[in-house]
Amino acid sequence: MQRRPSPRRVYSSTGLRADGARGVLVGCVLASGLLAGIAASDLAAQTVVPVHEEPRHRLVHESAALQVLDIGFQPGDTTLFHRHDRPIAYVEIDATVVNQQRLGGPWGRVVGTRAPPRRAPGRVSWNEGYADVPLEHRVTAIGPGPFRLIGVVSLGFGDESGRTGPLGPFEAAHDSSRYFSQVRVEMDAGQAVEWPPTDAPVVMVLASAGELSVESEQPAPDVAAHLVGAGAFSVLAPGTSLRIRNLGSGPVALSFVEVR
């Protein structure tokens, strides 16, 4: 009596035993699933979100004219890829060394330092080119300290003539452009400033430690504000008279950004 040969045993790449072609099929299915998972992970890493939806760019105020973003992250932390397509002004609270990677490109050649950049609190800068040439990138904080900015996004059309007159109670803006004007001042302990009605909204940022009050004699409870600590802000609405008072025991740094 002739013995029938035993079926050939095949082991798939997962360690599970299979017979013949079935093992090959199972291995192919598992491998394709793994590749699909890797591709999905890569796609998720490249997904671009609007800047105000990026978790480290917290949207803390929005109106028809502007948005305010509280931007901050620690050394070693990296943002998601995000898109800038509107003019934005930045008020610097905590300076540190950062690096960026444009979507589809390499990281920049930036190295860290032992000490953070030495700049006065409340330094204001802006980028208006995003309205013409949007940017998609992600940013990492190299250190040595935390990174924090208050971002002010213009949602308007700007004014090509810029600002030529005083900004609030100040004789002239320190810098002015189509979309923004800015003034940086220091207020002594107990000092108060009378803020006259303006024709455009102004974002006031407390750029140093301290405590401020914003008061109005008009029946507008939403105007009153109590600001404590660096990065606190208030949006000064146009057409409103205000009194800004330093409630602390020392001087404070304030940055005013007018938005058009």
C-alpha atoms as a PDB file:
ATOM      1  CA  MET A   1       0.000   0.000   0.000  1.00  0.00           C
ATOM      2  CA  GLN A   2       1.522   3.319  -1.082  1.00  0.00           C
ATOM      3  CA  ARG A   3       1.616   6.122   1.530  1.00  0.00           C
ATOM      4  CA  ARG A   4       0.269   9.510   0.536  1.00  0.00           C
ATOM      5  CA  PRO A   5       2.716  12.395   1.085  1.00  0.00           C
ATOM      6  CA  SER A   6       1.944  14.739   3.980  1.00  0.00           C
ATOM      7  CA  PRO A   7       0.778  18.231   3.044  1.00  0.00           C
ATOM      8  CA  ARG A   8       3.636  20.771   2.945  1.00  0.00           C
ATOM      9  CA  ARG A   9       3.588  23.111   5.912  1.00  0.00           C
ATOM     10  CA  VAL A  10       4.198  26.807   5.307  1.00  0.00           C
ATOM     11  CA  TYR A  11       4.755  29.423   8.021  1.00  0.00           C
ATOM     12  CA  SER A  12       3.770  33.007   7.309  1.00  0.00           C
ATOM     13  CA  SER A  13       5.833  36.034   8.351  1.00  0.00           C
ATOM     14  CA  THR A  14       3.576  36.385  11.394  1.00  0.00           C
ATOM     15  CA  GLY A  15       4.569  32.969  12.786  1.00  0.00           C
ATOM     16  CA  LEU A  16       1.152  31.437  12.055  1.00  0.00           C
ATOM     17  CA  ARG A  17       1.112  28.139  10.205  1.00  0.00           C
ATOM     18  CA  ALA A  18      -0.700  28.007   6.892  1.00  0.00           C
ATOM     19  CA  ASP A  19      -0.936  25.593   4.012  1.00  0.00           C
ATOM     20  CA  GLY A  20       0.328  26.363   0.506  1.00  0.00           C
ATOM     21  CA  ALA A  21      -0.942  29.452  -1.250  1.00  0.00           C
ATOM     22  CA  ARG A  22      -3.119  30.462   1.679  1.00  0.00           C
ATOM     23  CA  GLY A  23      -0.020  31.346   3.724  1.00  0.00           C
ATOM     24  CA  VAL A  24       1.317  33.513   0.927  1.00  0.00           C
ATOM     25  CA  LEU A  25      -2.033  35.272   0.656  1.00  0.00           C
ATOM     26  CA  VAL A  26      -2.234  35.940   4.399  1.00  0.00           C
ATOM     27  CA  GLY A  27       1.310  37.325   4.422  1.00  0.00           C
ATOM     28  CA  CYS A  28       0.559  39.649   1.503  1.00  0.00           C
ATOM     29  CA  VAL A  29      -2.614  40.938   3.138  1.00  0.00           C
ATOM     30  CA  LEU A  30      -0.817  41.665   6.409  1.00  0.00           C
ATOM     31  CA  ALA A  31       2.100  43.341   4.633  1.00  0.00           C
ATOM     32  CA  SER A  32      -0.202  45.547   2.564  1.00  0.00           C
ATOM     33  CA  GLY A  33      -2.076  46.540   5.714  1.00  0.00           C
ATOM     34  CA  LEU A  34       1.188  47.513   7.394  1.00  0.00           C
ATOM     35  CA  LEU A  35       2.235  49.629   4.409  1.00  0.00           C
ATOM     36  CA  ALA A  36      -1.164  51.306   4.344  1.00  0.00           C
ATOM     37  CA  GLY A  37      -0.799  52.147   8.040  1.00  0.00           C
ATOM     38  CA  ILE A  38       2.622  53.681   7.463  1.00  0.00           C
ATOM     39  CA  ALA A  39       1.298  55.706   4.525  1.00  0.00           C
ATOM     40  CA  ALA A  40      -1.629  56.943   6.630  1.00  0.00           C
ATOM     41  CA  SER A  41       0.763  57.948   9.407  1.00  0.00           C
ATOM     42  CA  ASP A  42       2.948  59.887   6.964  1.00  0.00           C
ATOM     43  CA  LEU A  43      -0.143  61.594   5.531  1.00  0.00           C
ATOM     44  CA  ALA A  44      -1.316  62.601   8.998  1.00  0.00           C
ATOM     45  CA  ALA A  45       2.113  64.086   9.752  1.00  0.00           C
ATOM     46  CA  GLN A  46       1.849  66.232   6.599  1.00  0.00           C
ATOM     47  CA  THR A  47      -1.726  67.440   7.168  1.00  0.00           C
ATOM     48  CA  VAL A  48      -1.864  71.250   7.172  1.00  0.00           C
ATOM     49  CA  VAL A  49      -4.313  73.090   9.442  1.00  0.00           C
ATOM     50  CA  PRO A  50      -5.236  76.801   9.498  1.00  0.00           C
ATOM     51  CA  VAL A  51      -2.991  78.650  11.930  1.00  0.00           C
ATOM     52  CA  HIS A  52      -5.851  79.340  14.366  1.00  0.00           C
ATOM     53  CA  GLU A  53      -6.584  75.588  14.566  1.00  0.00           C
ATOM     54  CA  GLU A  54      -2.998  74.616  15.417  1.00  0.00           C
ATOM     55  CA  PRO A  55      -3.053  73.586  19.123  1.00  0.00           C
ATOM     56  CA  ARG A  56      -0.070  75.761  20.108  1.00  0.00           C
ATOM     57  CA  HIS A  57      -1.624  78.806  18.397  1.00  0.00           C
ATOM     58  CA  ARG A  58      -4.673  79.150  20.665  1.00  0.00           C
ATOM     59  CA  LEU A  59      -7.456  81.356  19.329  1.00  0.00           C
ATOM     60  CA  VAL A  60      -8.369  83.535  22.332  1.00  0.00           C
ATOM     61  CA  HIS A  61     -10.308  86.339  20.614  1.00  0.00           C
ATOM     62  CA  GLU A  62     -12.113  86.720  17.300  1.00  0.00           C
ATOM     63  CA  SER A  63     -14.148  89.520  15.734  1.00  0.00           C
ATOM     64  CA  ALA A  64     -14.969  90.682  12.228  1.00  0.00           C
ATOM     65  CA  ALA A  65     -11.757  92.746  12.168  1.00  0.00           C
ATOM     66  CA  LEU A  66      -9.143  90.579  13.866  1.00  0.00           C
ATOM     67  CA  GLN A  67      -8.075  87.435  15.678  1.00  0.00           C
ATOM     68  CA  VAL A  68      -5.802  87.160  18.710  1.00  0.00           C
ATOM     69  CA  LEU A  69      -3.661  84.025  19.078  1.00  0.00           C
ATOM     70  CA  ASP A  70      -1.798  83.001  22.235  1.00  0.00           C
ATOM     71  CA  ILE A  71       1.243  81.207  20.788  1.00  0.00           C
ATOM     72  CA  GLY A  72       3.505  79.193  23.056  1.00  0.00           C
ATOM     73  CA  PHE A  73       5.477  75.973  23.418  1.00  0.00           C
ATOM     74  CA  GLN A  74       8.368  74.522  25.392  1.00  0.00           C
ATOM     75  CA  PRO A  75      11.883  73.573  24.198  1.00  0.00           C
ATOM     76  CA  GLY A  76      11.755  70.386  22.141  1.00  0.00           C
ATOM     77  CA  ASP A  77       8.072  70.815  21.280  1.00  0.00           C
ATOM     78  CA  THR A  78       7.011  71.070  17.626  1.00  0.00           C
ATOM     79  CA  THR A  79       3.834  72.490  16.112  1.00  0.00           C
ATOM     80  CA  LEU A  80       1.702  70.809  13.496  1.00  0.00           C
ATOM     81  CA  PHE A  81       2.090  71.980   9.921  1.00  0.00           C
ATOM     82  CA  HIS A  82      -0.083  75.074   9.674  1.00  0.00           C
ATOM     83  CA  ARG A  83      -0.989  77.688   7.083  1.00  0.00           C
ATOM     84  CA  HIS A  84      -0.544  81.475   7.279  1.00  0.00           C
ATOM     85  CA  ASP A  85      -2.617  83.371   4.701  1.00  0.00           C
ATOM     86  CA  ARG A  86      -3.429  86.656   6.473  1.00  0.00           C
ATOM     87  CA  PRO A  87      -1.232  89.524   7.720  1.00  0.00           C
ATOM     88  CA  ILE A  88      -0.141  88.873  11.311  1.00  0.00           C
ATOM     89  CA  ALA A  89       1.635  90.963  13.948  1.00  0.00           C
ATOM     90  CA  TYR A  90       3.596  89.376  16.782  1.00  0.00           C
ATOM     91  CA  VAL A  91       4.143  90.751  20.284  1.00  0.00           C
ATOM     92  CA  GLU A  92       7.097  88.979  21.854  1.00  0.00           C
ATOM     93  CA  ILE A  93       6.660  87.756  25.430  1.00  0.00           C
ATOM     94  CA  ASP A  94       9.312  85.023  25.820  1.00  0.00           C
ATOM     95  CA  ALA A  95      12.132  84.933  23.284  1.00  0.00           C
ATOM     96  CA  THR A  96      14.036  81.749  22.470  1.00  0.00           C
ATOM     97  CA  VAL A  97      15.718  80.082  19.488  1.00  0.00           C
ATOM     98  CA  VAL A  98      13.303  78.400  17.064  1.00  0.00           C
ATOM     99  CA  ASN A  99      13.622  76.509  13.796  1.00  0.00           C
ATOM    100  CA  GLN A 100      11.136  75.962  10.988  1.00  0.00           C
ATOM    101  CA  GLN A 101      10.425  73.438   8.254  1.00  0.00           C
ATOM    102  CA  ARG A 102       8.432  74.449   5.200  1.00  0.00           C
ATOM    103  CA  LEU A 103       6.014  71.833   3.932  1.00  0.00           C
ATOM    104  CA  GLY A 104       7.932  69.490   1.625  1.00  0.00           C
ATOM    105  CA  GLY A 105      11.302  70.981   2.523  1.00  0.00           C
ATOM    106  CA  PRO A 106      14.121  70.344   5.007  1.00  0.00           C
ATOM    107  CA  TRP A 107      14.514  71.831   8.457  1.00  0.00           C
ATOM    108  CA  GLY A 108      16.491  75.051   8.628  1.00  0.00           C
ATOM    109  CA  ARG A 109      20.080  75.055   9.844  1.00  0.00           C
ATOM    110  CA  VAL A 110      19.529  76.621  13.254  1.00  0.00           C
ATOM    111  CA  VAL A 111      21.390  75.732  16.446  1.00  0.00           C
ATOM    112  CA  GLY A 112      20.601  76.509  20.060  1.00  0.00           C
ATOM    113  CA  THR A 113      22.333  78.915  22.433  1.00  0.00           C
ATOM    114  CA  ARG A 114      23.075  78.788  26.149  1.00  0.00           C
ATOM    115  CA  ALA A 115      21.061  81.943  26.842  1.00  0.00           C
ATOM    116  CA  PRO A 116      17.826  83.226  25.251  1.00  0.00           C
ATOM    117  CA  PRO A 117      17.987  86.218  22.896  1.00  0.00           C
ATOM    118  CA  ARG A 118      18.285  89.450  24.902  1.00  0.00           C
ATOM    119  CA  ARG A 119      15.455  91.703  23.789  1.00  0.00           C
ATOM    120  CA  ALA A 120      13.161  94.076  25.639  1.00  0.00           C
ATOM    121  CA  PRO A 121       9.719  92.554  26.335  1.00  0.00           C
ATOM    122  CA  GLY A 122       6.933  93.611  24.013  1.00  0.00           C
ATOM    123  CA  ARG A 123       8.948  93.824  20.802  1.00  0.00           C
ATOM    124  CA  VAL A 124       6.493  94.010  17.864  1.00  0.00           C
ATOM    125  CA  SER A 125       7.055  92.659  14.363  1.00  0.00           C
ATOM    126  CA  TRP A 126       4.738  91.634  11.556  1.00  0.00           C
ATOM    127  CA  ASN A 127       4.514  89.738   8.295  1.00  0.00           C
ATOM    128  CA  GLU A 128       2.052  91.099   5.753  1.00  0.00           C
ATOM    129  CA  GLY A 129       3.357  89.001   2.860  1.00  0.00           C
ATOM    130  CA  TYR A 130       1.285  86.004   3.914  1.00  0.00           C
ATOM    131  CA  ALA A 131      -1.728  87.653   2.250  1.00  0.00           C
ATOM    132  CA  ASP A 132       0.034  87.448  -1.137  1.00  0.00           C
ATOM    133  CA  VAL A 133       2.219  84.362  -0.656  1.00  0.00           C
ATOM    134  CA  PRO A 134       0.784  81.996   1.984  1.00  0.00           C
ATOM    135  CA  LEU A 135       3.209  79.928   4.054  1.00  0.00           C
ATOM    136  CA  GLU A 136       2.750  76.329   5.202  1.00  0.00           C
ATOM    137  CA  HIS A 137       5.296  75.267   7.796  1.00  0.00           C
ATOM    138  CA  ARG A 138       5.889  73.897  11.261  1.00  0.00           C
ATOM    139  CA  VAL A 139       8.049  75.322  14.030  1.00  0.00           C
ATOM    140  CA  THR A 140      10.083  73.758  16.823  1.00  0.00           C
ATOM    141  CA  ALA A 141      11.489  75.470  19.905  1.00  0.00           C
ATOM    142  CA  ILE A 142      15.187  74.745  20.307  1.00  0.00           C
ATOM    143  CA  GLY A 143      15.542  76.633  23.569  1.00  0.00           C
ATOM    144  CA  PRO A 144      16.994  77.240  26.038  1.00  0.00           C
ATOM    145  CA  GLY A 145      13.736  78.719  27.341  1.00  0.00           C
ATOM    146  CA  PRO A 146      10.039  78.669  26.416  1.00  0.00           C
ATOM    147  CA  PHE A 147       8.684  80.450  23.350  1.00  0.00           C
ATOM    148  CA  ARG A 148       5.654  82.734  23.623  1.00  0.00           C
ATOM    149  CA  LEU A 149       4.081  85.367  21.408  1.00  0.00           C
ATOM    150  CA  ILE A 150       0.742  87.102  21.179  1.00  0.00           C
ATOM    151  CA  GLY A 151      -0.315  87.011  17.528  1.00  0.00           C
ATOM    152  CA  VAL A 152      -2.704  89.611  16.076  1.00  0.00           C
ATOM    153  CA  VAL A 153      -4.232  88.625  12.726  1.00  0.00           C
ATOM    154  CA  SER A 154      -5.813  91.272  10.499  1.00  0.00           C
ATOM    155  CA  LEU A 155      -9.007  90.100   8.809  1.00  0.00           C
ATOM    156  CA  GLY A 156      -9.510  93.424   7.018  1.00  0.00           C
ATOM    157  CA  PHE A 157      -8.247  94.993   3.809  1.00  0.00           C
ATOM    158  CA  GLY A 158      -5.783  97.404   5.381  1.00  0.00           C
ATOM    159  CA  ASP A 159      -5.144 101.023   4.456  1.00  0.00           C
ATOM    160  CA  GLU A 160      -2.478 101.719   1.847  1.00  0.00           C
ATOM    161  CA  SER A 161      -1.906 105.223   3.201  1.00  0.00           C
ATOM    162  CA  GLY A 162      -0.923 103.836   6.622  1.00  0.00           C
ATOM    163  CA  ARG A 163      -1.155 105.914   9.792  1.00  0.00           C
ATOM    164  CA  THR A 164       0.104 109.501   9.792  1.00  0.00           C
ATOM    165  CA  GLY A 165      -1.466 110.893  12.993  1.00  0.00           C
ATOM    166  CA  PRO A 166      -1.233 109.984  16.678  1.00  0.00           C
ATOM    167  CA  LEU A 167      -2.057 106.509  17.944  1.00  0.00           C
ATOM    168  CA  GLY A 168      -4.333 106.879  20.944  1.00  0.00           C
ATOM    169  CA  PRO A 169      -2.748 109.325  23.425  1.00  0.00           C
ATOM    170  CA  PHE A 170       0.700 108.923  21.857  1.00  0.00           C
ATOM    171  CA  GLU A 171       2.098 111.512  19.458  1.00  0.00           C
ATOM    172  CA  ALA A 172       2.912 109.039  16.696  1.00  0.00           C
ATOM    173  CA  ALA A 173       3.215 105.333  16.045  1.00  0.00           C
ATOM    174  CA  HIS A 174       6.685 103.827  16.390  1.00  0.00           C
ATOM    175  CA  ASP A 175       6.064 101.870  13.204  1.00  0.00           C
ATOM    176  CA  SER A 176       3.201 101.761  10.725  1.00  0.00           C
ATOM    177  CA  SER A 177       2.183  99.813   7.624  1.00  0.00           C
ATOM    178  CA  ARG A 178      -0.866  99.035   5.540  1.00  0.00           C
ATOM    179  CA  TYR A 179      -2.362  96.677   8.143  1.00  0.00           C
ATOM    180  CA  PHE A 180      -0.774  97.580  11.490  1.00  0.00           C
ATOM    181  CA  SER A 181       0.604 100.402  13.606  1.00  0.00           C
ATOM    182  CA  GLN A 182       2.397  99.872  16.892  1.00  0.00           C
ATOM    183  CA  VAL A 183       3.617 101.700  19.964  1.00  0.00           C
ATOM    184  CA  ARG A 184       5.548 100.267  22.900  1.00  0.00           C
ATOM    185  CA  VAL A 185       5.570 102.202  26.190  1.00  0.00           C
ATOM    186  CA  GLU A 186       6.315 101.775  29.884  1.00  0.00           C
ATOM    187  CA  MET A 187       3.934 102.881  32.630  1.00  0.00           C
ATOM    188  CA  ASP A 188       5.125 103.682  36.140  1.00  0.00           C
ATOM    189  CA  ALA A 189       3.450 102.272  39.240  1.00  0.00           C
ATOM    190  CA  GLY A 190       0.102 103.992  39.802  1.00  0.00           C
ATOM    191  CA  GLN A 191       0.238 105.857  36.480  1.00  0.00           C
ATOM    192  CA  ALA A 192      -2.979 106.235  34.473  1.00  0.00           C
ATOM    193  CA  VAL A 193      -3.412 106.988  30.764  1.00  0.00           C
ATOM    194  CA  GLU A 194      -6.548 108.456  29.192  1.00  0.00           C
ATOM    195  CA  TRP A 195      -7.292 106.598  25.970  1.00  0.00           C
ATOM    196  CA  PRO A 196      -9.272 108.680  23.418  1.00  0.00           C
ATOM    197  CA  PRO A 197     -11.738 107.232  20.890  1.00  0.00           C
ATOM    198  CA  THR A 198      -9.973 105.724  17.874  1.00  0.00           C
ATOM    199  CA  ASP A 199     -11.197 104.808  14.392  1.00  0.00           C
ATOM    200  CA  ALA A 200      -9.778 101.255  14.415  1.00  0.00           C
ATOM    201  CA  PRO A 201      -9.468  98.497  17.026  1.00  0.00           C
ATOM    202  CA  VAL A 202      -6.263  98.328  19.064  1.00  0.00           C
ATOM    203  CA  VAL A 203      -4.910  95.262  20.866  1.00  0.00           C
ATOM    204  CA  MET A 204      -3.144  96.223  24.103  1.00  0.00           C
ATOM    205  CA  VAL A 205      -0.735  93.570  25.415  1.00  0.00           C
ATOM    206  CA  LEU A 206       0.836  93.509  28.871  1.00  0.00           C
ATOM    207  CA  ALA A 207       4.327  92.370  27.894  1.00  0.00           C
ATOM    208  CA  SER A 208       5.847  92.131  31.380  1.00  0.00           C
ATOM    209  CA  ALA A 209       4.795  91.042  34.843  1.00  0.00           C
ATOM    210  CA  GLY A 210       2.279  93.417  36.375  1.00  0.00           C
ATOM    211  CA  GLU A 211      -1.375  94.309  36.807  1.00  0.00           C
ATOM    212  CA  LEU A 212      -3.557  96.728  34.840  1.00  0.00           C
ATOM    213  CA  SER A 213      -7.138  97.898  34.779  1.00  0.00           C
ATOM    214  CA  VAL A 214      -9.083  99.158  31.770  1.00  0.00           C
ATOM    215  CA  GLU A 215     -12.078 101.288  32.734  1.00  0.00           C
ATOM    216  CA  SER A 216     -14.783 103.153  30.853  1.00  0.00           C
ATOM    217  CA  GLU A 217     -17.234 105.778  32.041  1.00  0.00           C
ATOM    218  CA  GLN A 218     -19.654 104.637  29.365  1.00  0.00           C
ATOM    219  CA  PRO A 219     -22.231 101.918  30.146  1.00  0.00           C
ATOM    220  CA  ALA A 220     -20.287  99.187  28.352  1.00  0.00           C
ATOM    221  CA  PRO A 221     -19.463  96.383  30.821  1.00  0.00           C
ATOM    222  CA  ASP A 222     -17.724  94.327  28.131  1.00  0.00           C
ATOM    223  CA  VAL A 223     -15.079  97.065  27.813  1.00  0.00           C
ATOM    224  CA  ALA A 224     -13.798  96.861  31.400  1.00  0.00           C
ATOM    225  CA  ALA A 225     -10.830  94.545  31.864  1.00  0.00           C
ATOM    226  CA  HIS A 226      -8.394  93.451  34.559  1.00  0.00           C
ATOM    227  CA  LEU A 227      -5.067  92.261  33.180  1.00  0.00           C
ATOM    228  CA  VAL A 228      -2.594  90.244  35.252  1.00  0.00           C
ATOM    229  CA  GLY A 229       0.740  88.831  34.079  1.00  0.00           C
ATOM    230  CA  ALA A 230       2.786  88.895  30.899  1.00  0.00           C
ATOM    231  CA  GLY A 231       0.725  88.008  27.831  1.00  0.00           C
ATOM    232  CA  ALA A 232      -2.584  89.329  29.159  1.00  0.00           C
ATOM    233  CA  PHE A 233      -4.337  91.523  26.603  1.00  0.00           C
ATOM    234  CA  SER A 234      -7.397  93.655  25.967  1.00  0.00           C
ATOM    235  CA  VAL A 235      -8.992  94.679  22.673  1.00  0.00           C
ATOM    236  CA  LEU A 236      -9.722  98.413  22.791  1.00  0.00           C
ATOM    237  CA  ALA A 237     -12.789  98.959  20.647  1.00  0.00           C
ATOM    238  CA  PRO A 238     -12.937 101.983  18.315  1.00  0.00           C
ATOM    239  CA  GLY A 239     -15.014 104.961  19.364  1.00  0.00           C
ATOM    240  CA  THR A 240     -14.580 104.353  23.103  1.00  0.00           C
ATOM    241  CA  SER A 241     -12.922 106.553  25.749  1.00  0.00           C
ATOM    242  CA  LEU A 242     -10.961 104.514  28.299  1.00  0.00           C
ATOM    243  CA  ARG A 243      -8.706 104.885  31.309  1.00  0.00           C
ATOM    244  CA  ILE A 244      -5.752 102.488  31.559  1.00  0.00           C
ATOM    245  CA  ARG A 245      -4.171 102.278  35.019  1.00  0.00           C
ATOM    246  CA  ASN A 246      -1.095 100.472  36.346  1.00  0.00           C
ATOM    247  CA  LEU A 247      -2.279  98.795  39.552  1.00  0.00           C
ATOM    248  CA  GLY A 248       1.069  97.227  40.406  1.00  0.00           C
ATOM    249  CA  SER A 249       3.982  98.369  42.546  1.00  0.00           C
ATOM    250  CA  GLY A 250       6.468  98.613  39.662  1.00  0.00           C
ATOM    251  CA  PRO A 251       6.677  99.716  36.032  1.00  0.00           C
ATOM    252  CA  VAL A 252       5.101  97.627  33.270  1.00  0.00           C
ATOM    253  CA  ALA A 253       5.796  97.253  29.544  1.00  0.00           C
ATOM    254  CA  LEU A 254       2.827  97.701  27.214  1.00  0.00           C
ATOM    255  CA  SER A 255       2.529  97.116  23.477  1.00  0.00           C
ATOM    256  CA  PHE A 256      -0.323  98.606  21.441  1.00  0.00           C
ATOM    257  CA  VAL A 257      -1.108  97.161  18.005  1.00  0.00           C
ATOM    258  CA  GLU A 258      -3.673  98.958  15.845  1.00  0.00           C
ATOM    259  CA  VAL A 259      -5.357  96.703  13.277  1.00  0.00           C
ATOM    260  CA  ARG A 260      -6.771  97.771   9.917  1.00  0.00           C
END
